Amino acid sequence: LQDLNFADVRFEAVFEQTGHFSANGTDNMYFVIAANPGEALKPLSKVASGGELSRIMLAIKSVFAEKDHIVTANQDDIGTLIFDEIDAGISGRTAQRVAEKLCTLSQKRQVICITHLPQIAAMADVHFMIEKSVQDNKTVTSIYRLLDTQCVEELARLLGGSTITEAVRANAQELCHQAAAYKNK
């Protein structure tokens, strides 16, 4: 969790006896977290934001990336992990840390990540564009693979919005260079 910009976090699992049998056994289990110094441990479901939940799931998946075959007993290993908008509620340095963690995780598993943040998108090995349009009064979703030059343009669009300047394009290109440097270290 510290790798994902939780600077002074405490994270624990709580197990309680329910006193009765159910389809789930006799125990109740939940996670507690204190994300900041001086905070008491509180149930994760009560205090974590969407962005924090996404980062916690990424941390758990990163820890278990080597151990998934144990969890899936007698089935194939989990080969693909999908993160849908893991960028919720994050930006800046935290987004960069999430991008780096996804990159590291992708060395052991295929990672599919739907994102709107350029820091995360720049780290991808393959980019796809997903677009919605209206055709004959129906919403149609299209997906297509982007070429390298198209990737830079898409990163520039994510960075600059409706006005893409040469400075924005240069920033997008720099993100690509930084991502390549991270992958090659």
C-alpha atoms as a PDB file:
ATOM      1  CA  LEU A   1       0.000   0.000   0.000  1.00  0.00           C
ATOM      2  CA  GLN A   2       2.906   2.359   0.637  1.00  0.00           C
ATOM      3  CA  ASP A   3       3.967   1.856  -2.997  1.00  0.00           C
ATOM      4  CA  LEU A   4       0.558   3.266  -4.002  1.00  0.00           C
ATOM      5  CA  ASN A   5       0.927   6.516  -2.036  1.00  0.00           C
ATOM      6  CA  PHE A   6      -0.614   5.439   1.260  1.00  0.00           C
ATOM      7  CA  ALA A   7       2.268   6.959   3.216  1.00  0.00           C
ATOM      8  CA  ASP A   8       1.509   5.806   6.778  1.00  0.00           C
ATOM      9  CA  VAL A   9      -1.193   3.181   6.398  1.00  0.00           C
ATOM     10  CA  ARG A  10      -2.288   0.376   8.701  1.00  0.00           C
ATOM     11  CA  PHE A  11      -4.380  -2.412   7.163  1.00  0.00           C
ATOM     12  CA  GLU A  12      -5.688  -5.477   8.989  1.00  0.00           C
ATOM     13  CA  ALA A  13      -8.190  -8.292   8.666  1.00  0.00           C
ATOM     14  CA  VAL A  14     -10.684  -8.758  11.495  1.00  0.00           C
ATOM     15  CA  PHE A  15     -12.199 -12.164  12.192  1.00  0.00           C
ATOM     16  CA  GLU A  16     -15.235 -12.509  14.455  1.00  0.00           C
ATOM     17  CA  GLN A  17     -17.201 -15.539  15.574  1.00  0.00           C
ATOM     18  CA  THR A  18     -20.883 -15.123  14.673  1.00  0.00           C
ATOM     19  CA  GLY A  19     -22.100 -17.692  17.195  1.00  0.00           C
ATOM     20  CA  HIS A  20     -24.176 -19.532  14.604  1.00  0.00           C
ATOM     21  CA  PHE A  21     -23.751 -21.566  11.432  1.00  0.00           C
ATOM     22  CA  SER A  22     -24.611 -20.140   8.017  1.00  0.00           C
ATOM     23  CA  ALA A  23     -23.812 -20.860   4.388  1.00  0.00           C
ATOM     24  CA  ASN A  24     -20.643 -18.815   4.975  1.00  0.00           C
ATOM     25  CA  GLY A  25     -19.509 -20.694   8.073  1.00  0.00           C
ATOM     26  CA  THR A  26     -19.307 -19.388  11.629  1.00  0.00           C
ATOM     27  CA  ASP A  27     -16.911 -16.504  11.072  1.00  0.00           C
ATOM     28  CA  ASN A  28     -17.389 -12.977   9.874  1.00  0.00           C
ATOM     29  CA  MET A  29     -14.357 -11.330   8.279  1.00  0.00           C
ATOM     30  CA  TYR A  30     -13.748  -7.750   7.179  1.00  0.00           C
ATOM     31  CA  PHE A  31     -10.845  -5.403   6.532  1.00  0.00           C
ATOM     32  CA  VAL A  32     -10.025  -2.345   8.621  1.00  0.00           C
ATOM     33  CA  ILE A  33      -7.767   0.533   7.637  1.00  0.00           C
ATOM     34  CA  ALA A  34      -6.221   3.670   9.040  1.00  0.00           C
ATOM     35  CA  ALA A  35      -4.936   5.647   6.065  1.00  0.00           C
ATOM     36  CA  ASN A  36      -3.470   8.550   8.034  1.00  0.00           C
ATOM     37  CA  PRO A  37      -1.373   8.939  11.198  1.00  0.00           C
ATOM     38  CA  GLY A  38      -3.424   9.252  14.382  1.00  0.00           C
ATOM     39  CA  GLU A  39      -6.541   7.656  12.899  1.00  0.00           C
ATOM     40  CA  ALA A  40      -8.160   4.620  14.473  1.00  0.00           C
ATOM     41  CA  LEU A  41      -8.631   1.467  12.420  1.00  0.00           C
ATOM     42  CA  LYS A  42     -12.101   1.583  10.836  1.00  0.00           C
ATOM     43  CA  PRO A  43     -13.979  -0.790   8.513  1.00  0.00           C
ATOM     44  CA  LEU A  44     -12.719  -0.387   4.960  1.00  0.00           C
ATOM     45  CA  SER A  45     -16.282  -0.415   3.636  1.00  0.00           C
ATOM     46  CA  LYS A  46     -17.112   2.662   5.752  1.00  0.00           C
ATOM     47  CA  VAL A  47     -14.119   4.930   5.203  1.00  0.00           C
ATOM     48  CA  ALA A  48     -12.416   4.220   1.873  1.00  0.00           C
ATOM     49  CA  SER A  49     -13.168   6.334  -1.176  1.00  0.00           C
ATOM     50  CA  GLY A  50     -13.550   4.801  -4.631  1.00  0.00           C
ATOM     51  CA  GLY A  51      -9.958   5.687  -5.506  1.00  0.00           C
ATOM     52  CA  GLU A  52      -8.679   4.208  -2.253  1.00  0.00           C
ATOM     53  CA  LEU A  53     -10.656   1.003  -2.825  1.00  0.00           C
ATOM     54  CA  SER A  54      -9.180   0.715  -6.310  1.00  0.00           C
ATOM     55  CA  ARG A  55      -5.642   1.149  -5.006  1.00  0.00           C
ATOM     56  CA  ILE A  56      -6.210  -1.346  -2.193  1.00  0.00           C
ATOM     57  CA  MET A  57      -7.503  -3.921  -4.696  1.00  0.00           C
ATOM     58  CA  LEU A  58      -4.454  -3.295  -6.876  1.00  0.00           C
ATOM     59  CA  ALA A  59      -2.191  -3.803  -3.855  1.00  0.00           C
ATOM     60  CA  ILE A  60      -3.911  -7.072  -2.931  1.00  0.00           C
ATOM     61  CA  LYS A  61      -3.755  -8.331  -6.530  1.00  0.00           C
ATOM     62  CA  SER A  62      -0.078  -7.386  -6.703  1.00  0.00           C
ATOM     63  CA  VAL A  63       0.699  -9.372  -3.564  1.00  0.00           C
ATOM     64  CA  PHE A  64      -1.191 -12.410  -4.829  1.00  0.00           C
ATOM     65  CA  ALA A  65       0.013 -12.257  -8.454  1.00  0.00           C
ATOM     66  CA  GLU A  66       2.498 -15.026  -7.698  1.00  0.00           C
ATOM     67  CA  LYS A  67       0.008 -17.033  -5.630  1.00  0.00           C
ATOM     68  CA  ASP A  68      -3.178 -17.034  -7.742  1.00  0.00           C
ATOM     69  CA  HIS A  69      -2.693 -20.684  -8.642  1.00  0.00           C
ATOM     70  CA  ILE A  70      -3.222 -21.593  -4.968  1.00  0.00           C
ATOM     71  CA  VAL A  71      -6.498 -19.654  -4.786  1.00  0.00           C
ATOM     72  CA  THR A  72      -7.863 -21.214  -7.983  1.00  0.00           C
ATOM     73  CA  ALA A  73      -7.103 -24.825  -6.914  1.00  0.00           C
ATOM     74  CA  ASN A  74      -7.314 -27.265  -9.828  1.00  0.00           C
ATOM     75  CA  GLN A  75      -8.143 -24.520 -12.321  1.00  0.00           C
ATOM     76  CA  ASP A  76      -5.946 -22.592 -14.691  1.00  0.00           C
ATOM     77  CA  ASP A  77      -3.985 -19.712 -13.225  1.00  0.00           C
ATOM     78  CA  ILE A  78      -5.644 -16.325 -13.372  1.00  0.00           C
ATOM     79  CA  GLY A  79      -4.009 -14.969 -16.498  1.00  0.00           C
ATOM     80  CA  THR A  80      -5.852 -11.682 -16.948  1.00  0.00           C
ATOM     81  CA  LEU A  81      -6.714  -8.947 -14.460  1.00  0.00           C
ATOM     82  CA  ILE A  82      -9.179  -6.234 -15.423  1.00  0.00           C
ATOM     83  CA  PHE A  83      -9.226  -2.830 -13.744  1.00  0.00           C
ATOM     84  CA  ASP A  84     -12.118  -0.610 -14.770  1.00  0.00           C
ATOM     85  CA  GLU A  85     -11.357   3.041 -14.051  1.00  0.00           C
ATOM     86  CA  ILE A  86      -8.824   2.360 -11.307  1.00  0.00           C
ATOM     87  CA  ASP A  87      -8.049   6.075 -11.671  1.00  0.00           C
ATOM     88  CA  ALA A  88     -11.199   7.141  -9.777  1.00  0.00           C
ATOM     89  CA  GLY A  89     -10.334   9.913  -7.350  1.00  0.00           C
ATOM     90  CA  ILE A  90      -6.568  10.013  -7.962  1.00  0.00           C
ATOM     91  CA  SER A  91      -4.161  12.282  -9.831  1.00  0.00           C
ATOM     92  CA  GLY A  92      -0.557  13.429  -9.954  1.00  0.00           C
ATOM     93  CA  ARG A  93       1.988  11.362  -8.053  1.00  0.00           C
ATOM     94  CA  THR A  94      -0.606   8.811  -6.921  1.00  0.00           C
ATOM     95  CA  ALA A  95      -1.608   8.226 -10.550  1.00  0.00           C
ATOM     96  CA  GLN A  96       2.055   7.684 -11.428  1.00  0.00           C
ATOM     97  CA  ARG A  97       2.466   5.166  -8.608  1.00  0.00           C
ATOM     98  CA  VAL A  98      -0.657   3.279  -9.730  1.00  0.00           C
ATOM     99  CA  ALA A  99       0.703   3.238 -13.300  1.00  0.00           C
ATOM    100  CA  GLU A 100       4.019   1.823 -12.085  1.00  0.00           C
ATOM    101  CA  LYS A 101       2.290  -0.853  -9.976  1.00  0.00           C
ATOM    102  CA  LEU A 102       0.114  -1.870 -12.943  1.00  0.00           C
ATOM    103  CA  CYS A 103       3.237  -2.091 -15.096  1.00  0.00           C
ATOM    104  CA  THR A 104       4.963  -4.316 -12.544  1.00  0.00           C
ATOM    105  CA  LEU A 105       1.857  -6.499 -12.238  1.00  0.00           C
ATOM    106  CA  SER A 106       1.693  -6.800 -16.038  1.00  0.00           C
ATOM    107  CA  GLN A 107       5.045  -8.576 -16.023  1.00  0.00           C
ATOM    108  CA  LYS A 108       3.320 -11.589 -14.435  1.00  0.00           C
ATOM    109  CA  ARG A 109      -0.254 -11.268 -15.726  1.00  0.00           C
ATOM    110  CA  GLN A 110      -2.085  -9.723 -18.628  1.00  0.00           C
ATOM    111  CA  VAL A 111      -3.576  -6.461 -17.353  1.00  0.00           C
ATOM    112  CA  ILE A 112      -6.489  -4.744 -19.031  1.00  0.00           C
ATOM    113  CA  CYS A 113      -7.047  -1.282 -17.649  1.00  0.00           C
ATOM    114  CA  ILE A 114      -9.733   1.201 -18.609  1.00  0.00           C
ATOM    115  CA  THR A 115      -8.470   4.647 -17.661  1.00  0.00           C
ATOM    116  CA  HIS A 116      -8.849   8.351 -18.283  1.00  0.00           C
ATOM    117  CA  LEU A 117      -5.499   9.345 -16.799  1.00  0.00           C
ATOM    118  CA  PRO A 118      -2.550   9.922 -19.123  1.00  0.00           C
ATOM    119  CA  GLN A 119      -0.013   8.703 -16.532  1.00  0.00           C
ATOM    120  CA  ILE A 120      -1.692   5.281 -16.490  1.00  0.00           C
ATOM    121  CA  ALA A 121      -2.441   5.133 -20.216  1.00  0.00           C
ATOM    122  CA  ALA A 122       1.156   6.012 -21.115  1.00  0.00           C
ATOM    123  CA  MET A 123       2.408   2.897 -19.334  1.00  0.00           C
ATOM    124  CA  ALA A 124       0.388   0.530 -21.547  1.00  0.00           C
ATOM    125  CA  ASP A 125       2.071  -1.774 -24.051  1.00  0.00           C
ATOM    126  CA  VAL A 126      -0.993  -1.726 -26.325  1.00  0.00           C
ATOM    127  CA  HIS A 127      -3.636   0.994 -26.544  1.00  0.00           C
ATOM    128  CA  PHE A 128      -7.239   0.673 -27.633  1.00  0.00           C
ATOM    129  CA  MET A 129      -9.714   3.483 -28.181  1.00  0.00           C
ATOM    130  CA  ILE A 130     -13.281   2.884 -27.085  1.00  0.00           C
ATOM    131  CA  GLU A 131     -15.814   5.306 -28.526  1.00  0.00           C
ATOM    132  CA  LYS A 132     -19.563   5.626 -28.342  1.00  0.00           C
ATOM    133  CA  SER A 133     -21.545   7.108 -31.204  1.00  0.00           C
ATOM    134  CA  VAL A 134     -25.160   7.264 -32.295  1.00  0.00           C
ATOM    135  CA  GLN A 135     -26.084   5.500 -35.521  1.00  0.00           C
ATOM    136  CA  ASP A 136     -29.706   5.178 -36.631  1.00  0.00           C
ATOM    137  CA  ASN A 137     -30.881   6.385 -33.196  1.00  0.00           C
ATOM    138  CA  LYS A 138     -28.901   3.639 -31.428  1.00  0.00           C
ATOM    139  CA  THR A 139     -25.797   3.987 -29.313  1.00  0.00           C
ATOM    140  CA  VAL A 140     -22.943   1.987 -30.805  1.00  0.00           C
ATOM    141  CA  THR A 141     -19.668   1.258 -29.029  1.00  0.00           C
ATOM    142  CA  SER A 142     -16.555   0.833 -31.171  1.00  0.00           C
ATOM    143  CA  ILE A 143     -13.122  -0.361 -30.159  1.00  0.00           C
ATOM    144  CA  TYR A 144      -9.950  -0.209 -32.209  1.00  0.00           C
ATOM    145  CA  ARG A 145      -6.223  -0.512 -31.620  1.00  0.00           C
ATOM    146  CA  LEU A 146      -4.167   2.671 -31.752  1.00  0.00           C
ATOM    147  CA  LEU A 147      -0.857   2.947 -33.574  1.00  0.00           C
ATOM    148  CA  ASP A 148       2.082   4.594 -31.778  1.00  0.00           C
ATOM    149  CA  THR A 149       1.416   8.040 -33.275  1.00  0.00           C
ATOM    150  CA  GLN A 150      -2.270   7.728 -32.409  1.00  0.00           C
ATOM    151  CA  CYS A 151      -1.323   6.859 -28.818  1.00  0.00           C
ATOM    152  CA  VAL A 152       0.555  10.123 -28.468  1.00  0.00           C
ATOM    153  CA  GLU A 153      -2.437  12.022 -29.881  1.00  0.00           C
ATOM    154  CA  GLU A 154      -4.798  10.274 -27.463  1.00  0.00           C
ATOM    155  CA  LEU A 155      -2.520  11.042 -24.520  1.00  0.00           C
ATOM    156  CA  ALA A 156      -2.440  14.668 -25.695  1.00  0.00           C
ATOM    157  CA  ARG A 157      -6.254  14.680 -25.790  1.00  0.00           C
ATOM    158  CA  LEU A 158      -6.351  13.329 -22.228  1.00  0.00           C
ATOM    159  CA  LEU A 159      -3.874  16.010 -21.131  1.00  0.00           C
ATOM    160  CA  GLY A 160      -5.196  18.988 -23.060  1.00  0.00           C
ATOM    161  CA  GLY A 161      -8.884  18.499 -23.608  1.00  0.00           C
ATOM    162  CA  SER A 162     -10.355  20.128 -26.681  1.00  0.00           C
ATOM    163  CA  THR A 163      -7.326  22.266 -27.581  1.00  0.00           C
ATOM    164  CA  ILE A 164      -4.232  20.270 -28.467  1.00  0.00           C
ATOM    165  CA  THR A 165      -1.141  22.460 -28.717  1.00  0.00           C
ATOM    166  CA  GLU A 166       2.417  21.501 -29.564  1.00  0.00           C
ATOM    167  CA  ALA A 167       3.283  21.872 -25.872  1.00  0.00           C
ATOM    168  CA  VAL A 168       0.574  19.361 -24.971  1.00  0.00           C
ATOM    169  CA  ARG A 169       1.839  16.963 -27.663  1.00  0.00           C
ATOM    170  CA  ALA A 170       5.386  17.352 -26.309  1.00  0.00           C
ATOM    171  CA  ASN A 171       4.080  16.574 -22.811  1.00  0.00           C
ATOM    172  CA  ALA A 172       2.326  13.450 -24.143  1.00  0.00           C
ATOM    173  CA  GLN A 173       5.521  12.361 -25.897  1.00  0.00           C
ATOM    174  CA  GLU A 174       7.474  12.937 -22.670  1.00  0.00           C
ATOM    175  CA  LEU A 175       5.002  10.692 -20.787  1.00  0.00           C
ATOM    176  CA  CYS A 176       5.671   7.967 -23.371  1.00  0.00           C
ATOM    177  CA  HIS A 177       9.437   8.372 -22.920  1.00  0.00           C
ATOM    178  CA  GLN A 178       9.113   8.240 -19.112  1.00  0.00           C
ATOM    179  CA  ALA A 179       6.974   5.096 -19.343  1.00  0.00           C
ATOM    180  CA  ALA A 180       9.498   3.431 -21.657  1.00  0.00           C
ATOM    181  CA  ALA A 181      12.326   4.330 -19.280  1.00  0.00           C
ATOM    182  CA  TYR A 182      10.432   2.851 -16.335  1.00  0.00           C
ATOM    183  CA  LYS A 183       9.727  -0.383 -18.234  1.00  0.00           C
ATOM    184  CA  ASN A 184      13.374  -0.724 -19.294  1.00  0.00           C
ATOM    185  CA  LYS A 185      14.986  -0.229 -15.891  1.00  0.00           C
END
